Amino acid sequence: MDHTALRTYLSQLDGLLMGEAACCIYGSAACMLLGEEGRISLGVDIAGPYSQANETMLQTAAAQIGLPVNPPADFAGDHIEWIGPLRLCLADPAGGGRVVYGRAPI
């Protein structure tokens, strides 16, 4: 996906999700949202522990627009990677110095 496709996916997801949701997007997708239009990626990386979204509802909404969540490793299409606390190695974007390294934040 590119900048335009990413924004289209996010707009479609926003329209399908019930209630409020906030996802902590990082990696290439975050760079694309910050305006790096020449950048591309197959996956949208979401830091689950730092997001306020129901993962099951996100999976259902994403499936409706043809965007699988955590597909098999050999999947070669656009998708979402919901990264849980056991795989995440990312500082808390809210600050405070918390970092998740394979376990829930302290």
C-alpha atoms as a PDB file:
ATOM      1  CA  MET A   1       0.000   0.000   0.000  1.00  0.00           C
ATOM      2  CA  ASP A   2       1.011   3.592  -0.449  1.00  0.00           C
ATOM      3  CA  HIS A   3       0.008   6.828   1.298  1.00  0.00           C
ATOM      4  CA  THR A   4      -3.327   7.073  -0.535  1.00  0.00           C
ATOM      5  CA  ALA A   5      -4.290   3.412  -0.013  1.00  0.00           C
ATOM      6  CA  LEU A   6      -3.390   3.637   3.679  1.00  0.00           C
ATOM      7  CA  ARG A   7      -5.592   6.676   4.218  1.00  0.00           C
ATOM      8  CA  THR A   8      -8.419   4.937   2.336  1.00  0.00           C
ATOM      9  CA  TYR A   9      -8.116   1.831   4.532  1.00  0.00           C
ATOM     10  CA  LEU A  10      -8.099   3.908   7.712  1.00  0.00           C
ATOM     11  CA  SER A  11     -11.108   5.921   6.583  1.00  0.00           C
ATOM     12  CA  GLN A  12     -13.027   2.728   5.788  1.00  0.00           C
ATOM     13  CA  LEU A  13     -12.088   1.202   9.157  1.00  0.00           C
ATOM     14  CA  ASP A  14     -13.170   4.364  10.950  1.00  0.00           C
ATOM     15  CA  GLY A  15     -16.572   4.108   9.306  1.00  0.00           C
ATOM     16  CA  LEU A  16     -17.024   0.478  10.356  1.00  0.00           C
ATOM     17  CA  LEU A  17     -15.774   0.538  13.950  1.00  0.00           C
ATOM     18  CA  MET A  18     -18.358   0.995  16.676  1.00  0.00           C
ATOM     19  CA  GLY A  19     -17.503   3.561  19.328  1.00  0.00           C
ATOM     20  CA  GLU A  20     -14.143   5.218  19.668  1.00  0.00           C
ATOM     21  CA  ALA A  21     -10.821   3.624  18.867  1.00  0.00           C
ATOM     22  CA  ALA A  22      -7.257   4.914  18.876  1.00  0.00           C
ATOM     23  CA  CYS A  23      -4.481   2.830  17.389  1.00  0.00           C
ATOM     24  CA  CYS A  24      -0.777   3.409  17.954  1.00  0.00           C
ATOM     25  CA  ILE A  25       0.632   2.988  14.443  1.00  0.00           C
ATOM     26  CA  TYR A  26       4.382   2.743  14.008  1.00  0.00           C
ATOM     27  CA  GLY A  27       6.891   1.715  11.355  1.00  0.00           C
ATOM     28  CA  SER A  28       6.465   2.489   7.664  1.00  0.00           C
ATOM     29  CA  ALA A  29       2.738   3.203   7.952  1.00  0.00           C
ATOM     30  CA  ALA A  30       3.447   5.934  10.513  1.00  0.00           C
ATOM     31  CA  CYS A  31       5.988   7.482   8.149  1.00  0.00           C
ATOM     32  CA  MET A  32       3.441   7.411   5.322  1.00  0.00           C
ATOM     33  CA  LEU A  33       0.886   9.166   7.552  1.00  0.00           C
ATOM     34  CA  LEU A  34       3.501  11.827   8.272  1.00  0.00           C
ATOM     35  CA  GLY A  35       3.730  12.598   4.564  1.00  0.00           C
ATOM     36  CA  GLU A  36       6.375  10.276   3.133  1.00  0.00           C
ATOM     37  CA  GLU A  37       4.300   9.603   0.031  1.00  0.00           C
ATOM     38  CA  GLY A  38       7.036   7.663  -1.787  1.00  0.00           C
ATOM     39  CA  ARG A  39       7.180   5.078   0.980  1.00  0.00           C
ATOM     40  CA  ILE A  40       5.248   1.801   0.639  1.00  0.00           C
ATOM     41  CA  SER A  41       4.508  -1.144   2.925  1.00  0.00           C
ATOM     42  CA  LEU A  42       2.320  -4.228   2.927  1.00  0.00           C
ATOM     43  CA  GLY A  43       1.533  -3.993   6.622  1.00  0.00           C
ATOM     44  CA  VAL A  44       0.167  -1.489   9.098  1.00  0.00           C
ATOM     45  CA  ASP A  45       1.923  -2.135  12.416  1.00  0.00           C
ATOM     46  CA  ILE A  46      -0.278  -1.411  15.448  1.00  0.00           C
ATOM     47  CA  ALA A  47       1.141  -1.477  18.980  1.00  0.00           C
ATOM     48  CA  GLY A  48      -1.669  -3.255  20.815  1.00  0.00           C
ATOM     49  CA  PRO A  49      -0.616  -2.313  24.391  1.00  0.00           C
ATOM     50  CA  TYR A  50      -0.620   1.385  23.504  1.00  0.00           C
ATOM     51  CA  SER A  51      -3.860   1.337  21.519  1.00  0.00           C
ATOM     52  CA  GLN A  52      -7.392   1.854  22.747  1.00  0.00           C
ATOM     53  CA  ALA A  53      -9.229  -0.464  20.395  1.00  0.00           C
ATOM     54  CA  ASN A  54     -10.989  -3.777  20.664  1.00  0.00           C
ATOM     55  CA  GLU A  55      -8.814  -6.191  18.667  1.00  0.00           C
ATOM     56  CA  THR A  56     -11.739  -8.462  17.778  1.00  0.00           C
ATOM     57  CA  MET A  57     -13.844  -5.557  16.514  1.00  0.00           C
ATOM     58  CA  LEU A  58     -10.853  -4.290  14.506  1.00  0.00           C
ATOM     59  CA  GLN A  59     -10.403  -7.748  12.939  1.00  0.00           C
ATOM     60  CA  THR A  60     -14.078  -7.880  11.988  1.00  0.00           C
ATOM     61  CA  ALA A  61     -14.053  -4.400  10.451  1.00  0.00           C
ATOM     62  CA  ALA A  62     -10.770  -5.059   8.636  1.00  0.00           C
ATOM     63  CA  ALA A  63     -12.120  -8.318   7.197  1.00  0.00           C
ATOM     64  CA  GLN A  64     -15.083  -6.403   5.768  1.00  0.00           C
ATOM     65  CA  ILE A  65     -12.706  -4.249   3.685  1.00  0.00           C
ATOM     66  CA  GLY A  66     -10.422  -7.160   2.737  1.00  0.00           C
ATOM     67  CA  LEU A  67      -7.562  -6.232   5.075  1.00  0.00           C
ATOM     68  CA  PRO A  68      -6.583  -9.268   7.168  1.00  0.00           C
ATOM     69  CA  VAL A  69      -5.171  -8.909  10.673  1.00  0.00           C
ATOM     70  CA  ASN A  70      -2.079 -10.998  11.479  1.00  0.00           C
ATOM     71  CA  PRO A  71      -2.210 -13.166   8.346  1.00  0.00           C
ATOM     72  CA  PRO A  72       0.238 -16.065   7.867  1.00  0.00           C
ATOM     73  CA  ALA A  73       3.894 -15.063   7.396  1.00  0.00           C
ATOM     74  CA  ASP A  74       3.803 -15.935   3.686  1.00  0.00           C
ATOM     75  CA  PHE A  75       0.824 -13.616   2.990  1.00  0.00           C
ATOM     76  CA  ALA A  76       1.879 -11.144   0.275  1.00  0.00           C
ATOM     77  CA  GLY A  77      -0.910  -8.562   0.394  1.00  0.00           C
ATOM     78  CA  ASP A  78      -1.876  -5.490   2.365  1.00  0.00           C
ATOM     79  CA  HIS A  79      -2.664  -6.322   5.991  1.00  0.00           C
ATOM     80  CA  ILE A  80      -2.603  -5.209   9.623  1.00  0.00           C
ATOM     81  CA  GLU A  81      -0.077  -6.515  12.148  1.00  0.00           C
ATOM     82  CA  TRP A  82      -1.555  -6.244  15.650  1.00  0.00           C
ATOM     83  CA  ILE A  83       1.558  -6.473  17.814  1.00  0.00           C
ATOM     84  CA  GLY A  84       0.811  -7.687  21.329  1.00  0.00           C
ATOM     85  CA  PRO A  85       2.937  -7.285  24.455  1.00  0.00           C
ATOM     86  CA  LEU A  86       4.945 -10.477  23.884  1.00  0.00           C
ATOM     87  CA  ARG A  87       6.275  -9.258  20.507  1.00  0.00           C
ATOM     88  CA  LEU A  88       6.367  -5.496  21.030  1.00  0.00           C
ATOM     89  CA  CYS A  89       9.633  -3.694  21.665  1.00  0.00           C
ATOM     90  CA  LEU A  90       8.590  -0.036  21.520  1.00  0.00           C
ATOM     91  CA  ALA A  91       8.790   2.803  24.024  1.00  0.00           C
ATOM     92  CA  ASP A  92       5.487   4.108  25.355  1.00  0.00           C
ATOM     93  CA  PRO A  93       4.538   6.966  22.999  1.00  0.00           C
ATOM     94  CA  ALA A  94       2.840   8.748  25.916  1.00  0.00           C
ATOM     95  CA  GLY A  95       6.229   9.156  27.591  1.00  0.00           C
ATOM     96  CA  GLY A  96       7.153   8.270  31.114  1.00  0.00           C
ATOM     97  CA  GLY A  97      10.045   6.091  30.003  1.00  0.00           C
ATOM     98  CA  ARG A  98       8.048   2.856  29.917  1.00  0.00           C
ATOM     99  CA  VAL A  99       9.227   0.327  27.386  1.00  0.00           C
ATOM    100  CA  VAL A 100       7.617  -2.991  26.539  1.00  0.00           C
ATOM    101  CA  TYR A 101      10.123  -5.808  25.958  1.00  0.00           C
ATOM    102  CA  GLY A 102       8.213  -9.029  25.599  1.00  0.00           C
ATOM    103  CA  ARG A 103       5.939  -8.369  28.589  1.00  0.00           C
ATOM    104  CA  ALA A 104       3.184  -6.049  29.699  1.00  0.00           C
ATOM    105  CA  PRO A 105       4.185  -2.452  30.549  1.00  0.00           C
ATOM    106  CA  ILE A 106       5.130  -1.709  34.126  1.00  0.00           C
END
